Amino acid sequence: MNFELILPFLRPIEPLLLDDSISEIMGNPDSSWWYERDGVVHRDESISFDAGKLRTGLEVVANRLGKKLDEDNPVLNAQLPDGSRLAAVIPPVARPSPALVIRKFSSRKFTVEDLISRGTLTRPLAEFLAEQIRSGKTLLISGGTGTGKTTLLNILGQAIPEHERIVIIEDTSELRIQKPNILAVECQTDTYKASVSFDDLLKSALRWRPDRIILGEVRGTEARTLLDSFNTGHSGSLATIHANSAVKALRRFANLVMRSHQQATYEDVEAEIGEAVNFIVHVERQPGRRAIREVLRLDGYDRQAQEFRFEMVYGGVDSSIKGELAHA
């Protein structure tokens, strides 16, 4: 984070903001401050933050965005000047002092070599996934909060062929995929201006002549539109989704689609997903690192058994790529 971009009221946590190895900063209502580095959370006993100044600073941020932050509007979500995300809550929702979380935007461009050296994935797995993307397979990247889904998506996206047109849709701009023909757009749901949702942008994206669509996160009504795009000539796309395993990611995707398309049966939706999605890549936090835990190859849907047909090509007992030569 650039020193000049730090808002004055955040000066007490300036060392944490300037430390590029720290990914997340958390201030609790009891005035304790914590940070995450390499997937491990630490407490910083040296930070002293005046609760009144913190609240005043948050109110200033809200005002700049045309929002209110008071007892009737106690929750704030904002984007800092460098792209980092700020989420805050004040009394009476949090007591006795405001709570604050900053997910830092990293300007560092991680490479696949960085992830291999950190133990996030192996070289054979990296090559395997890159080949699937080059050949037009559709991937969902699943995992919990802070597991590195966006970082992995950013790196895997580099495998998309240079001649293809990519449309990127995000809540907050984080992806830095380096390709010659890219249209990157950002939702406008946390501003005082007209709201523009994921679904609005995804529907528009279908008219922007994409070869590939990259969706920062599947989490709402856009799931139906995304599934339709997979089944109407936009295979080879990439997206992330919150889930605790690769299989649960499929279930969550189906549930999100059903929320906005209740006329369909659950089996019909899962059958559509079984035809449209090729791989689920699941990442998780492990002590001192983030790592790919599972890679699931989807092979349709069994209506009689009402279950997905799939093969776990990475994960399980030996965490090796199984059947790679046979199915690549």
Protein backbone atom coordinates (compact mmCIF):
# COMPACT_ATOMS: atom_id res chain seq x y z
CA MET A 1 0.00 0.00 0.00
CA ASN A 2 1.30 3.43 -0.97
CA PHE A 3 2.07 5.58 2.09
CA GLU A 4 0.36 8.57 0.45
CA LEU A 5 -2.88 6.64 0.06
CA ILE A 6 -3.27 5.77 3.73
CA LEU A 7 -6.22 7.65 5.20
CA PRO A 8 -5.22 9.77 8.21
CA PHE A 9 -7.38 7.90 10.71
CA LEU A 10 -5.61 4.64 9.81
CA ARG A 11 -2.15 5.89 10.88
CA PRO A 12 -2.08 3.69 14.03
CA ILE A 13 -2.06 0.58 11.80
CA GLU A 14 0.28 2.08 9.21
CA PRO A 15 3.01 -0.58 9.73
CA LEU A 16 0.51 -3.32 8.96
CA LEU A 17 -0.81 -1.48 5.92
CA LEU A 18 2.69 -1.02 4.53
CA ASP A 19 3.75 -4.63 5.09
CA ASP A 20 3.19 -6.42 1.78
CA SER A 21 3.35 -9.83 3.47
CA ILE A 22 0.15 -9.09 5.43
CA SER A 23 -3.09 -9.91 3.63
CA GLU A 24 -5.73 -8.99 6.19
CA ILE A 25 -6.02 -6.65 9.19
CA MET A 26 -8.70 -7.06 11.86
CA GLY A 27 -9.68 -4.68 14.67
CA ASN A 28 -12.10 -6.05 17.26
CA PRO A 29 -14.60 -4.21 19.49
CA ASP A 30 -12.38 -4.95 22.52
CA SER A 31 -9.66 -2.81 20.85
CA SER A 32 -7.43 -5.79 20.06
CA TRP A 33 -5.78 -5.82 16.63
CA TRP A 34 -4.88 -8.85 14.54
CA TYR A 35 -3.35 -9.53 11.15
CA GLU A 36 -2.93 -12.47 8.79
CA ARG A 37 0.37 -13.39 7.19
CA ASP A 38 0.77 -16.54 5.05
CA GLY A 39 -2.51 -17.93 6.31
CA VAL A 40 -1.61 -17.55 10.00
CA VAL A 41 -3.34 -14.98 12.26
CA HIS A 42 -1.22 -13.00 14.76
CA ARG A 43 -2.04 -10.39 17.39
CA ASP A 44 -0.28 -7.01 17.43
CA GLU A 45 -0.07 -5.84 21.02
CA SER A 46 1.58 -2.53 20.07
CA ILE A 47 -1.42 -0.94 18.37
CA SER A 48 -3.38 1.68 20.30
CA PHE A 49 -6.46 3.04 18.56
CA ASP A 50 -8.79 5.72 19.93
CA ALA A 51 -12.33 4.40 19.43
CA GLY A 52 -13.76 7.87 18.89
CA LYS A 53 -11.24 8.76 16.19
CA LEU A 54 -11.78 5.39 14.52
CA ARG A 55 -15.52 5.98 14.34
CA THR A 56 -15.07 9.53 13.06
CA GLY A 57 -12.71 8.28 10.36
CA LEU A 58 -15.19 5.64 9.27
CA GLU A 59 -17.94 8.26 9.10
CA VAL A 60 -15.71 10.36 6.82
CA VAL A 61 -15.21 7.38 4.51
CA ALA A 62 -18.98 6.78 4.43
CA ASN A 63 -19.64 10.44 3.65
CA ARG A 64 -17.19 10.38 0.75
CA LEU A 65 -19.18 7.49 -0.72
CA GLY A 66 -22.48 9.29 -0.21
CA LYS A 67 -23.44 6.85 2.55
CA LYS A 68 -24.49 7.19 6.16
CA LEU A 69 -22.78 5.54 9.12
CA ASP A 70 -24.78 5.94 12.31
CA GLU A 71 -26.92 3.92 14.71
CA ASP A 72 -29.55 3.47 12.01
CA ASN A 73 -26.94 2.52 9.41
CA PRO A 74 -24.23 0.73 11.42
CA VAL A 75 -22.56 -1.32 8.64
CA LEU A 76 -20.07 0.03 6.12
CA ASN A 77 -18.43 -1.63 3.13
CA ALA A 78 -15.96 0.50 1.21
CA GLN A 79 -12.99 0.42 -1.13
CA LEU A 80 -9.82 2.27 -0.09
CA PRO A 81 -7.83 4.37 -2.59
CA ASP A 82 -5.45 1.52 -3.41
CA GLY A 83 -8.24 -1.02 -4.01
CA SER A 84 -8.17 -2.67 -0.57
CA ARG A 85 -11.57 -3.55 0.89
CA LEU A 86 -12.78 -2.17 4.19
CA ALA A 87 -15.67 -3.67 6.16
CA ALA A 88 -16.73 -1.99 9.40
CA VAL A 89 -19.51 -2.17 11.96
CA ILE A 90 -20.23 0.27 14.80
CA PRO A 91 -22.37 0.26 17.97
CA PRO A 92 -25.03 -0.81 18.68
CA VAL A 93 -24.29 -3.81 16.40
CA ALA A 94 -20.73 -4.16 17.78
CA ARG A 95 -19.94 -3.07 21.33
CA PRO A 96 -18.27 -1.21 22.94
CA SER A 97 -16.18 0.07 20.00
CA PRO A 98 -16.26 -0.18 16.19
CA ALA A 99 -14.92 -3.30 14.49
CA LEU A 100 -12.91 -3.10 11.30
CA VAL A 101 -11.53 -5.56 8.74
CA ILE A 102 -9.29 -4.56 5.84
CA ARG A 103 -8.57 -7.06 3.10
CA LYS A 104 -5.51 -5.60 1.46
CA PHE A 105 -5.10 -5.30 -2.25
CA SER A 106 -1.75 -6.69 -3.26
CA SER A 107 0.06 -5.05 -6.17
CA ARG A 108 2.42 -8.01 -6.33
CA LYS A 109 1.92 -10.19 -9.37
CA PHE A 110 2.14 -13.77 -8.15
CA THR A 111 3.23 -16.37 -10.68
CA VAL A 112 2.68 -20.09 -10.85
CA GLU A 113 6.29 -20.50 -9.69
CA ASP A 114 5.40 -18.56 -6.52
CA LEU A 115 2.50 -20.93 -5.79
CA ILE A 116 4.64 -24.00 -6.44
CA SER A 117 7.37 -22.73 -4.10
CA ARG A 118 4.78 -22.02 -1.41
CA GLY A 119 3.31 -25.50 -1.68
CA THR A 120 -0.07 -24.33 -3.01
CA LEU A 121 0.17 -26.80 -5.87
CA THR A 122 2.67 -29.11 -7.53
CA ARG A 123 4.24 -28.52 -10.92
CA PRO A 124 2.45 -31.50 -12.54
CA LEU A 125 -0.88 -30.19 -11.21
CA ALA A 126 -0.11 -26.67 -12.47
CA GLU A 127 0.66 -28.02 -15.93
CA PHE A 128 -2.44 -30.21 -15.87
CA LEU A 129 -4.78 -27.31 -14.98
CA ALA A 130 -3.15 -24.97 -17.50
CA GLU A 131 -3.72 -27.54 -20.25
CA GLN A 132 -7.42 -27.88 -19.31
CA ILE A 133 -7.86 -24.11 -19.51
CA ARG A 134 -6.02 -23.83 -22.83
CA SER A 135 -8.26 -26.55 -24.28
CA GLY A 136 -11.45 -24.72 -23.26
CA LYS A 137 -12.57 -26.55 -20.13
CA THR A 138 -14.85 -24.72 -17.67
CA LEU A 139 -13.52 -24.50 -14.10
CA LEU A 140 -15.02 -23.49 -10.77
CA ILE A 141 -12.56 -22.64 -7.99
CA SER A 142 -14.06 -23.30 -4.57
CA GLY A 143 -12.91 -22.57 -1.04
CA GLY A 144 -13.62 -20.61 2.10
CA THR A 145 -12.92 -16.95 2.80
CA GLY A 146 -9.24 -16.04 2.52
CA THR A 147 -8.14 -19.34 0.99
CA GLY A 148 -6.56 -17.73 -2.08
CA LYS A 149 -9.28 -18.37 -4.66
CA THR A 150 -8.74 -15.03 -6.40
CA THR A 151 -4.95 -15.44 -6.48
CA LEU A 152 -5.32 -18.90 -8.02
CA LEU A 153 -7.89 -17.64 -10.52
CA ASN A 154 -5.57 -14.82 -11.52
CA ILE A 155 -2.72 -17.23 -12.22
CA LEU A 156 -4.77 -19.91 -13.98
CA GLY A 157 -6.31 -17.25 -16.20
CA GLN A 158 -2.88 -16.62 -17.70
CA ALA A 159 -3.24 -19.96 -19.52
CA ILE A 160 -6.06 -18.62 -21.71
CA PRO A 161 -4.80 -18.34 -25.31
CA GLU A 162 -3.70 -14.87 -26.42
CA HIS A 163 -6.17 -14.63 -29.31
CA GLU A 164 -9.29 -15.03 -27.17
CA ARG A 165 -11.41 -12.16 -25.86
CA ILE A 166 -11.94 -12.19 -22.09
CA VAL A 167 -14.67 -10.43 -20.10
CA ILE A 168 -13.92 -10.15 -16.36
CA ILE A 169 -16.69 -9.32 -13.88
CA GLU A 170 -15.83 -8.58 -10.24
CA ASP A 171 -17.32 -7.04 -7.13
CA THR A 172 -14.06 -5.24 -6.39
CA SER A 173 -11.37 -5.17 -9.06
CA GLU A 174 -8.60 -7.58 -8.02
CA LEU A 175 -7.73 -9.69 -11.04
CA ARG A 176 -4.71 -8.67 -13.11
CA ILE A 177 -4.77 -11.14 -15.98
CA GLN A 178 -2.32 -9.99 -18.64
CA LYS A 179 -3.92 -10.64 -22.03
CA PRO A 180 -4.27 -8.40 -25.11
CA ASN A 181 -8.08 -8.46 -25.47
CA ILE A 182 -9.76 -7.90 -22.08
CA LEU A 183 -12.85 -6.04 -20.92
CA ALA A 184 -12.86 -5.83 -17.12
CA VAL A 185 -15.94 -4.43 -15.34
CA GLU A 186 -16.81 -3.86 -11.70
CA CYS A 187 -20.15 -4.02 -9.86
CA GLN A 188 -21.59 -0.83 -8.37
CA THR A 189 -23.65 -2.01 -5.40
CA ASP A 190 -21.89 -0.16 -2.57
CA THR A 191 -22.18 3.35 -3.93
CA TYR A 192 -24.81 6.07 -3.90
CA LYS A 193 -25.01 5.86 -7.69
CA ALA A 194 -27.29 3.56 -9.65
CA SER A 195 -26.80 -0.05 -8.55
CA VAL A 196 -25.19 -2.36 -11.11
CA SER A 197 -25.14 -5.98 -9.94
CA PHE A 198 -23.21 -9.09 -10.95
CA ASP A 199 -26.26 -10.29 -12.83
CA ASP A 200 -26.67 -6.97 -14.67
CA LEU A 201 -23.06 -7.11 -15.85
CA LEU A 202 -23.17 -10.80 -16.71
CA LYS A 203 -26.25 -10.33 -18.88
CA SER A 204 -24.52 -7.41 -20.60
CA ALA A 205 -21.34 -9.46 -20.98
CA LEU A 206 -23.14 -11.91 -23.23
CA ARG A 207 -23.48 -9.02 -25.73
CA TRP A 208 -19.82 -8.02 -25.45
CA ARG A 209 -18.58 -10.87 -27.65
CA PRO A 210 -16.63 -12.85 -25.01
CA ASP A 211 -14.75 -16.03 -25.77
CA ARG A 212 -14.26 -16.51 -22.03
CA ILE A 213 -16.12 -15.08 -19.05
CA ILE A 214 -14.36 -14.80 -15.71
CA LEU A 215 -16.64 -14.16 -12.75
CA GLY A 216 -14.99 -13.09 -9.51
CA GLU A 217 -17.49 -14.93 -7.35
CA VAL A 218 -20.77 -16.82 -7.87
CA ARG A 219 -23.00 -15.89 -4.95
CA GLY A 220 -26.49 -14.84 -6.03
CA THR A 221 -28.98 -14.59 -8.86
CA GLU A 222 -26.16 -14.39 -11.41
CA ALA A 223 -25.69 -18.16 -10.95
CA ARG A 224 -28.62 -18.85 -13.31
CA THR A 225 -27.25 -16.46 -15.94
CA LEU A 226 -23.76 -17.91 -15.59
CA LEU A 227 -25.01 -21.47 -16.06
CA ASP A 228 -26.95 -20.38 -19.14
CA SER A 229 -23.77 -18.80 -20.54
CA PHE A 230 -21.85 -22.05 -19.98
CA ASN A 231 -24.50 -23.92 -21.96
CA THR A 232 -24.76 -21.41 -24.82
CA GLY A 233 -21.30 -21.23 -26.28
CA HIS A 234 -19.16 -19.81 -23.47
CA SER A 235 -17.44 -22.91 -22.25
CA GLY A 236 -13.90 -22.46 -20.99
CA SER A 237 -14.96 -19.84 -18.50
CA LEU A 238 -13.74 -19.49 -14.91
CA ALA A 239 -15.39 -18.49 -11.63
CA THR A 240 -14.97 -18.82 -7.87
CA ILE A 241 -17.54 -19.98 -5.34
CA HIS A 242 -17.60 -20.30 -1.55
CA ALA A 243 -17.77 -23.93 -0.38
CA ASN A 244 -16.07 -26.36 2.00
CA SER A 245 -15.27 -29.04 -0.59
CA ALA A 246 -15.40 -29.63 -4.32
CA VAL A 247 -18.60 -31.68 -4.10
CA LYS A 248 -20.26 -29.10 -1.84
CA ALA A 249 -19.36 -26.44 -4.41
CA LEU A 250 -21.53 -28.26 -6.96
CA ARG A 251 -24.42 -28.39 -4.48
CA ARG A 252 -24.02 -24.72 -3.65
CA PHE A 253 -23.97 -23.77 -7.32
CA ALA A 254 -27.22 -25.70 -7.83
CA ASN A 255 -28.82 -24.06 -4.79
CA LEU A 256 -27.89 -20.58 -6.05
CA VAL A 257 -29.39 -21.35 -9.47
CA MET A 258 -32.58 -22.63 -7.85
CA ARG A 259 -33.06 -19.41 -5.87
CA SER A 260 -33.75 -17.47 -9.04
CA HIS A 261 -35.29 -20.27 -11.09
CA GLN A 262 -37.65 -22.15 -8.80
CA GLN A 263 -39.73 -23.45 -11.71
CA ALA A 264 -36.95 -25.91 -12.54
CA THR A 265 -36.42 -29.12 -10.60
CA TYR A 266 -33.28 -29.65 -8.56
CA GLU A 267 -32.41 -32.63 -10.78
CA ASP A 268 -32.72 -30.53 -13.95
CA VAL A 269 -30.40 -27.89 -12.56
CA GLU A 270 -27.80 -30.42 -11.40
CA ALA A 271 -27.99 -32.13 -14.80
CA GLU A 272 -27.27 -28.77 -16.47
CA ILE A 273 -24.28 -28.24 -14.19
CA GLY A 274 -23.07 -31.76 -14.92
CA GLU A 275 -23.02 -30.94 -18.62
CA ALA A 276 -21.57 -27.43 -18.32
CA VAL A 277 -18.80 -27.63 -15.69
CA ASN A 278 -15.68 -29.71 -16.33
CA PHE A 279 -13.58 -29.27 -13.19
CA ILE A 280 -13.90 -28.08 -9.60
CA VAL A 281 -10.63 -26.96 -7.99
CA HIS A 282 -10.92 -26.71 -4.20
CA VAL A 283 -8.45 -24.67 -2.14
CA GLU A 284 -8.14 -24.48 1.64
CA ARG A 285 -6.06 -22.96 4.39
CA GLN A 286 -3.42 -25.17 5.89
CA PRO A 287 -0.89 -24.26 8.60
CA GLY A 288 1.36 -21.59 7.12
CA ARG A 289 0.02 -21.84 3.57
CA ARG A 290 -2.95 -22.08 1.24
CA ALA A 291 -3.13 -25.24 -0.86
CA ILE A 292 -5.22 -27.00 -3.48
CA ARG A 293 -6.90 -29.85 -1.64
CA GLU A 294 -8.98 -31.44 -4.40
CA VAL A 295 -9.50 -31.37 -8.14
CA LEU A 296 -12.70 -33.01 -9.28
CA ARG A 297 -13.43 -33.90 -12.91
CA LEU A 298 -17.15 -33.75 -13.58
CA ASP A 299 -18.63 -36.28 -15.99
CA GLY A 300 -22.33 -35.49 -16.09
CA TYR A 301 -25.24 -36.30 -13.83
CA ASP A 302 -26.98 -39.59 -13.05
CA ARG A 303 -30.71 -38.78 -12.93
CA GLN A 304 -31.67 -42.20 -11.63
CA ALA A 305 -29.27 -42.04 -8.69
CA GLN A 306 -29.74 -38.24 -8.44
CA GLU A 307 -26.02 -37.62 -8.09
CA PHE A 308 -23.14 -36.14 -10.03
CA ARG A 309 -20.77 -38.45 -11.87
CA PHE A 310 -17.21 -37.41 -11.15
CA GLU A 311 -13.64 -38.53 -10.70
CA MET A 312 -11.28 -37.09 -8.09
CA VAL A 313 -8.17 -36.50 -10.20
CA TYR A 314 -6.26 -34.81 -7.37
CA GLY A 315 -6.71 -35.19 -3.65
CA GLY A 316 -7.60 -37.99 -1.30
CA VAL A 317 -4.96 -40.34 0.07
CA ASP A 318 -1.97 -39.69 -2.20
CA SER A 319 -2.77 -36.19 -3.57
CA SER A 320 -1.48 -37.17 -7.02
CA ILE A 321 -2.96 -36.65 -10.46
CA LYS A 322 -4.91 -39.80 -11.26
CA GLY A 323 -5.64 -40.80 -14.81
CA GLU A 324 -4.06 -37.67 -16.24
CA LEU A 325 -2.71 -39.29 -19.39
CA ALA A 326 -5.91 -41.16 -20.01
CA HIS A 327 -8.17 -38.12 -19.78
CA ALA A 328 -6.12 -35.04 -20.68
